[in-house]
Amino acid sequence: RSRLASPPASSSGAGDSEKARPLLVERYRDGAAKRYMLDGDSKLQVQWEKHDESSTNTVEDENANSSIPRAVSDFVLPAGFPESVSDDYLQYMLLQFPTNVTGWICHTLVTSSLLKAVGVGSFTGTSAAAAAAAIRWVSKDGIGAFGRLLIGGRFGTLFDDDPKKWRMYADFIGSAGSIFDLTTPLYPGYFLPLASLGNLAKAVGRGFRDPSNRVIQNHFAKSGNLGEIAAKEEVWEVGAQLVGLSIGVLILDTPGIQSSYLTLTLTWLGVRLLHLWFRYQSLVVLKFRTVRLT
């Protein structure tokens, strides 16, 4: 739906009546566009433009997708790109991809430490019963759930004002939670409190992350296509997850990583710092429209 505003009064006569003022453009997946215009006589005009008949649109599409095959762009980018999204969308997504890859590498390394702490293999060669390991593994999740309840219930009004700041805070808090997880092989007897603290911190981080992501996605949805923006972001994230998990498995197969806790920790630290740097770079490119009161 669109509301048509009354055009300003004109005193120049027939010359102005021939000029049409654009109101709305609808773009379709096949490249066609439907333009709604208001002429000088306050009459609504509708004009269809085919993809091959509009030289301007053709040039824009070629410039935007010249290095991306059509099948790939349709799979990873919203329909009508780049007109259907904000100007900073693609640069943000390109930086988000290595951010998510490094994040999943860190997740793989941390999971290895947790499994060793509950007895599924260890640096010292000891093992534990499968039932006891499973009980300790599942028990840690309960405490972490309280973190998301706390953030959603008490801090829900913060995210609209500065989503970039809270998205960055989410990664710092999640990194702190991973440190607790990494220490569990050193103190396997304290697995439950350490892993629960790690899960609590990561749950708080998710509580900051998810609402901030919703605000960022809404910022991208210039054409009201929030659902498609979210779906395409899922494509990017899952692709990064597959790459990150593969690299993480390759790292874990390295003999030095398997036998040395220090090497594992230093590897995690290096990848995590790279992850935080990518996150910061991806947030810097976002350009929100804000009103500053003086």
Protein backbone atom coordinates (compact mmCIF):
# COMPACT_ATOMS: atom_id res chain seq x y z
CA ARG A 1 0.00 0.00 0.00
CA SER A 2 1.12 3.53 -0.65
CA ARG A 3 -0.30 6.90 0.26
CA LEU A 4 -0.20 9.58 -2.41
CA ALA A 5 0.66 13.05 -1.20
CA SER A 6 -0.89 16.09 -2.85
CA PRO A 7 1.60 17.70 -5.22
CA PRO A 8 2.66 21.27 -4.61
CA ALA A 9 0.74 23.99 -6.34
CA SER A 10 2.11 24.80 -9.77
CA SER A 11 1.76 28.04 -11.69
CA SER A 12 3.86 27.25 -14.73
CA GLY A 13 1.01 25.79 -16.75
CA ALA A 14 1.16 22.94 -19.20
CA GLY A 15 4.90 22.48 -18.93
CA ASP A 16 4.65 21.13 -15.39
CA SER A 17 1.68 18.91 -16.21
CA GLU A 18 3.90 16.86 -18.47
CA LYS A 19 6.41 16.11 -15.71
CA ALA A 20 5.77 12.94 -13.69
CA ARG A 21 6.96 12.61 -10.12
CA PRO A 22 8.01 9.03 -9.17
CA LEU A 23 6.27 7.61 -6.13
CA LEU A 24 7.07 3.92 -6.00
CA VAL A 25 9.03 1.31 -7.95
CA GLU A 26 8.27 -2.42 -7.71
CA ARG A 27 11.05 -4.68 -8.99
CA TYR A 28 10.56 -8.35 -9.83
CA ARG A 29 12.88 -11.33 -10.00
CA ASP A 30 12.82 -11.43 -13.81
CA GLY A 31 14.20 -7.89 -13.94
CA ALA A 32 10.90 -6.15 -14.77
CA ALA A 33 9.94 -2.99 -12.91
CA LYS A 34 6.56 -1.36 -12.27
CA ARG A 35 6.73 2.39 -11.71
CA TYR A 36 3.98 4.48 -10.08
CA MET A 37 4.20 8.19 -10.94
CA LEU A 38 2.14 11.28 -10.25
CA ASP A 39 1.95 13.87 -13.02
CA GLY A 40 1.37 17.59 -12.68
CA ASP A 41 -2.41 17.11 -12.92
CA SER A 42 -2.44 14.79 -9.88
CA LYS A 43 -3.12 11.76 -12.05
CA LEU A 44 -1.56 8.45 -11.15
CA GLN A 45 0.42 6.83 -13.96
CA VAL A 46 1.68 3.24 -14.04
CA GLN A 47 4.56 2.26 -16.31
CA TRP A 48 5.99 -1.21 -16.87
CA GLU A 49 9.66 -1.62 -17.77
CA LYS A 50 11.03 -4.90 -19.05
CA HIS A 51 14.57 -5.95 -18.16
CA ASP A 52 15.79 -5.74 -21.77
CA GLU A 53 14.02 -2.45 -22.47
CA SER A 54 15.56 -0.41 -19.68
CA SER A 55 19.14 0.44 -20.49
CA THR A 56 19.69 2.04 -17.10
CA ASN A 57 18.56 -1.03 -15.19
CA THR A 58 20.59 -3.27 -17.47
CA VAL A 59 23.76 -1.29 -16.83
CA GLU A 60 23.14 -1.34 -13.08
CA ASP A 61 22.52 -5.10 -13.05
CA GLU A 62 25.63 -5.78 -15.13
CA ASN A 63 27.78 -3.63 -12.89
CA ALA A 64 26.42 -5.26 -9.73
CA ASN A 65 26.57 -8.86 -10.89
CA SER A 66 29.26 -8.82 -13.59
CA SER A 67 31.54 -11.14 -11.59
CA ILE A 68 28.74 -13.24 -10.02
CA PRO A 69 26.91 -15.91 -12.05
CA ARG A 70 23.15 -15.39 -12.13
CA ALA A 71 22.42 -18.73 -10.44
CA VAL A 72 24.79 -17.89 -7.58
CA SER A 73 23.46 -14.35 -7.12
CA ASP A 74 19.87 -15.62 -7.02
CA PHE A 75 20.87 -18.12 -4.35
CA VAL A 76 22.82 -15.85 -1.98
CA LEU A 77 21.40 -12.37 -2.69
CA PRO A 78 17.87 -10.99 -2.25
CA ALA A 79 15.67 -10.51 -5.32
CA GLY A 80 16.11 -7.10 -6.91
CA PHE A 81 19.65 -6.68 -5.54
CA PRO A 82 21.13 -4.07 -5.23
CA GLU A 83 18.03 -1.83 -5.35
CA SER A 84 16.08 -3.93 -2.83
CA VAL A 85 18.62 -3.54 -0.02
CA SER A 86 20.62 -0.77 1.62
CA ASP A 87 23.93 0.31 0.10
CA ASP A 88 26.07 -1.31 2.80
CA TYR A 89 24.45 -4.77 2.56
CA LEU A 90 26.94 -6.60 0.32
CA GLN A 91 30.06 -5.23 2.01
CA TYR A 92 28.67 -6.27 5.39
CA MET A 93 27.84 -9.79 4.21
CA LEU A 94 31.26 -10.27 2.60
CA LEU A 95 32.91 -9.41 5.91
CA GLN A 96 30.44 -11.51 7.88
CA PHE A 97 31.49 -14.64 5.99
CA PRO A 98 35.10 -14.84 7.31
CA THR A 99 33.78 -13.69 10.69
CA ASN A 100 31.51 -16.73 10.87
CA VAL A 101 34.19 -19.06 9.49
CA THR A 102 36.64 -18.11 12.25
CA GLY A 103 33.83 -18.35 14.81
CA TRP A 104 33.10 -21.96 13.86
CA ILE A 105 36.79 -22.84 13.93
CA CYS A 106 36.89 -21.58 17.51
CA HIS A 107 33.74 -23.56 18.29
CA THR A 108 35.39 -26.76 17.04
CA LEU A 109 38.50 -26.22 19.17
CA VAL A 110 36.46 -25.42 22.29
CA THR A 111 34.24 -28.47 21.79
CA SER A 112 37.37 -30.61 21.71
CA SER A 113 38.38 -29.27 25.13
CA LEU A 114 34.93 -29.92 26.58
CA LEU A 115 34.88 -33.49 25.33
CA LYS A 116 38.31 -34.17 26.81
CA ALA A 117 37.18 -32.73 30.14
CA VAL A 118 34.21 -35.13 30.39
CA GLY A 119 36.39 -38.09 29.45
CA VAL A 120 35.86 -38.56 25.71
CA GLY A 121 39.60 -38.76 25.11
CA SER A 122 42.03 -36.52 26.99
CA PHE A 123 45.48 -35.06 26.82
CA THR A 124 46.61 -37.46 29.55
CA GLY A 125 44.99 -40.55 28.03
CA THR A 126 42.35 -41.12 30.78
CA SER A 127 38.68 -41.79 30.01
CA ALA A 128 35.33 -41.72 31.83
CA ALA A 129 32.15 -43.71 31.64
CA ALA A 130 29.81 -42.68 28.81
CA ALA A 131 26.84 -42.21 31.15
CA ALA A 132 28.71 -39.88 33.50
CA ALA A 133 30.08 -37.91 30.56
CA ALA A 134 26.61 -37.50 29.08
CA ILE A 135 25.12 -36.37 32.40
CA ARG A 136 27.77 -33.71 32.90
CA TRP A 137 27.51 -32.62 29.27
CA VAL A 138 23.74 -32.11 29.42
CA SER A 139 23.69 -30.56 32.90
CA LYS A 140 25.77 -27.56 31.83
CA ASP A 141 23.05 -26.35 29.44
CA GLY A 142 20.44 -25.67 32.10
CA ILE A 143 22.28 -22.83 33.83
CA GLY A 144 23.14 -21.15 30.55
CA ALA A 145 19.46 -20.75 29.65
CA PHE A 146 19.03 -18.18 32.42
CA GLY A 147 21.34 -15.78 30.57
CA ARG A 148 18.95 -15.36 27.64
CA LEU A 149 16.01 -14.90 30.01
CA LEU A 150 17.88 -12.12 31.78
CA ILE A 151 18.84 -10.23 28.62
CA GLY A 152 15.47 -10.50 26.92
CA GLY A 153 13.51 -9.52 29.99
CA ARG A 154 15.64 -6.70 31.36
CA PHE A 155 17.54 -5.14 28.46
CA GLY A 156 15.20 -5.42 25.47
CA THR A 157 14.93 -1.66 24.94
CA LEU A 158 18.68 -1.13 24.40
CA PHE A 159 19.20 -2.69 20.99
CA ASP A 160 17.35 -0.22 18.75
CA ASP A 161 19.54 2.69 19.85
CA ASP A 162 22.96 1.24 19.01
CA PRO A 163 22.80 -2.30 17.57
CA LYS A 164 26.41 -2.20 16.37
CA LYS A 165 27.74 -1.66 19.89
CA TRP A 166 25.67 -4.48 21.40
CA ARG A 167 26.56 -6.83 18.55
CA MET A 168 30.25 -6.25 19.30
CA TYR A 169 29.67 -6.71 23.03
CA ALA A 170 28.00 -10.05 22.24
CA ASP A 171 31.21 -11.38 20.70
CA PHE A 172 33.35 -10.21 23.62
CA ILE A 173 31.02 -11.89 26.12
CA GLY A 174 30.92 -15.06 24.01
CA SER A 175 34.73 -15.08 23.92
CA ALA A 176 34.82 -14.90 27.72
CA GLY A 177 32.48 -17.90 27.86
CA SER A 178 34.79 -19.88 25.59
CA ILE A 179 37.69 -19.23 27.99
CA PHE A 180 35.78 -21.05 30.74
CA ASP A 181 35.28 -23.96 28.34
CA LEU A 182 38.97 -24.07 27.50
CA THR A 183 39.94 -24.38 31.18
CA THR A 184 37.81 -27.49 31.76
CA PRO A 185 40.57 -29.98 30.74
CA LEU A 186 42.84 -28.43 33.39
CA TYR A 187 40.23 -28.92 36.13
CA PRO A 188 38.01 -31.84 35.06
CA GLY A 189 36.68 -32.18 38.58
CA TYR A 190 35.10 -28.72 38.21
CA PHE A 191 33.66 -29.40 34.81
CA LEU A 192 30.06 -28.60 35.72
CA PRO A 193 30.66 -25.13 37.30
CA LEU A 194 33.21 -24.12 34.65
CA ALA A 195 31.13 -25.32 31.71
CA SER A 196 27.99 -23.79 33.23
CA LEU A 197 29.70 -20.41 33.59
CA GLY A 198 30.89 -20.69 30.01
CA ASN A 199 27.41 -21.56 28.82
CA LEU A 200 25.93 -18.71 30.87
CA ALA A 201 28.33 -16.18 29.34
CA LYS A 202 27.69 -17.47 25.81
CA ALA A 203 23.93 -17.40 26.43
CA VAL A 204 24.18 -13.76 27.53
CA GLY A 205 26.16 -13.11 24.37
CA ARG A 206 23.41 -14.70 22.28
CA GLY A 207 20.89 -12.57 24.14
CA PHE A 208 22.77 -9.48 22.90
CA ARG A 209 23.45 -10.95 19.46
CA ASP A 210 20.02 -12.01 18.28
CA PRO A 211 18.09 -8.74 18.91
CA SER A 212 20.96 -6.72 17.44
CA ASN A 213 20.90 -8.91 14.32
CA ARG A 214 17.17 -8.27 13.92
CA VAL A 215 17.76 -4.51 13.93
CA ILE A 216 20.58 -4.89 11.39
CA GLN A 217 18.41 -7.07 9.13
CA ASN A 218 15.60 -4.51 9.32
CA HIS A 219 18.11 -1.85 8.27
CA PHE A 220 18.98 -3.87 5.17
CA ALA A 221 15.33 -4.44 4.19
CA LYS A 222 14.93 -1.24 2.22
CA SER A 223 12.11 -2.73 0.17
CA GLY A 224 10.26 -4.29 3.07
CA ASN A 225 11.80 -7.69 2.27
CA LEU A 226 12.86 -8.58 5.81
CA GLY A 227 11.99 -12.25 5.45
CA GLU A 228 14.17 -12.68 2.38
CA ILE A 229 17.03 -10.75 3.99
CA ALA A 230 16.94 -13.15 6.94
CA ALA A 231 16.78 -16.19 4.64
CA LYS A 232 19.76 -15.07 2.55
CA GLU A 233 21.78 -14.30 5.65
CA GLU A 234 21.12 -17.89 6.72
CA VAL A 235 22.65 -19.05 3.42
CA TRP A 236 25.81 -17.03 4.08
CA GLU A 237 26.02 -18.22 7.68
CA VAL A 238 25.56 -21.92 6.90
CA GLY A 239 28.17 -21.70 4.13
CA ALA A 240 30.59 -20.13 6.61
CA GLN A 241 29.70 -22.82 9.17
CA LEU A 242 30.59 -25.62 6.76
CA VAL A 243 33.91 -23.99 5.85
CA GLY A 244 34.74 -23.23 9.49
CA LEU A 245 33.94 -26.73 10.73
CA SER A 246 36.04 -28.27 7.95
CA ILE A 247 39.04 -26.09 8.79
CA GLY A 248 38.54 -26.78 12.49
CA VAL A 249 38.59 -30.54 11.91
CA LEU A 250 41.78 -30.22 9.85
CA ILE A 251 43.38 -28.23 12.67
CA LEU A 252 42.37 -30.85 15.25
CA ASP A 253 43.95 -33.56 13.08
CA THR A 254 47.32 -31.81 13.40
CA PRO A 255 49.57 -33.90 15.69
CA GLY A 256 50.72 -30.88 17.70
CA ILE A 257 47.15 -29.88 18.51
CA GLN A 258 46.19 -33.38 19.67
CA SER A 259 49.07 -33.74 22.09
CA SER A 260 49.53 -30.22 23.46
CA TYR A 261 46.95 -28.24 25.40
CA LEU A 262 49.10 -25.10 25.11
CA THR A 263 49.19 -25.36 21.32
CA LEU A 264 45.42 -25.78 21.22
CA THR A 265 44.89 -22.74 23.45
CA LEU A 266 47.25 -20.51 21.46
CA THR A 267 45.62 -21.60 18.20
CA TRP A 268 42.19 -20.76 19.59
CA LEU A 269 43.42 -17.37 20.82
CA GLY A 270 44.86 -16.44 17.41
CA VAL A 271 41.72 -17.46 15.53
CA ARG A 272 39.48 -15.72 18.09
CA LEU A 273 41.35 -12.44 17.75
CA LEU A 274 41.00 -12.71 13.97
CA HIS A 275 37.27 -13.38 14.46
CA LEU A 276 36.84 -10.25 16.61
CA TRP A 277 38.72 -8.15 14.05
CA PHE A 278 36.47 -9.38 11.23
CA ARG A 279 33.40 -8.67 13.37
CA TYR A 280 34.55 -5.11 14.03
CA GLN A 281 35.26 -4.50 10.33
CA SER A 282 31.83 -5.80 9.33
CA LEU A 283 30.08 -3.50 11.81
CA VAL A 284 32.10 -0.45 10.76
CA VAL A 285 30.64 -0.56 7.23
CA LEU A 286 27.05 -0.26 8.52
CA LYS A 287 25.52 3.18 7.99
CA PHE A 288 22.45 3.71 10.13
CA ARG A 289 20.28 6.78 9.77
CA THR A 290 20.27 8.47 13.15
CA VAL A 291 18.97 11.77 14.48
CA ARG A 292 21.34 13.58 16.81
CA LEU A 293 19.67 15.99 19.23
CA THR A 294 21.64 19.08 20.26
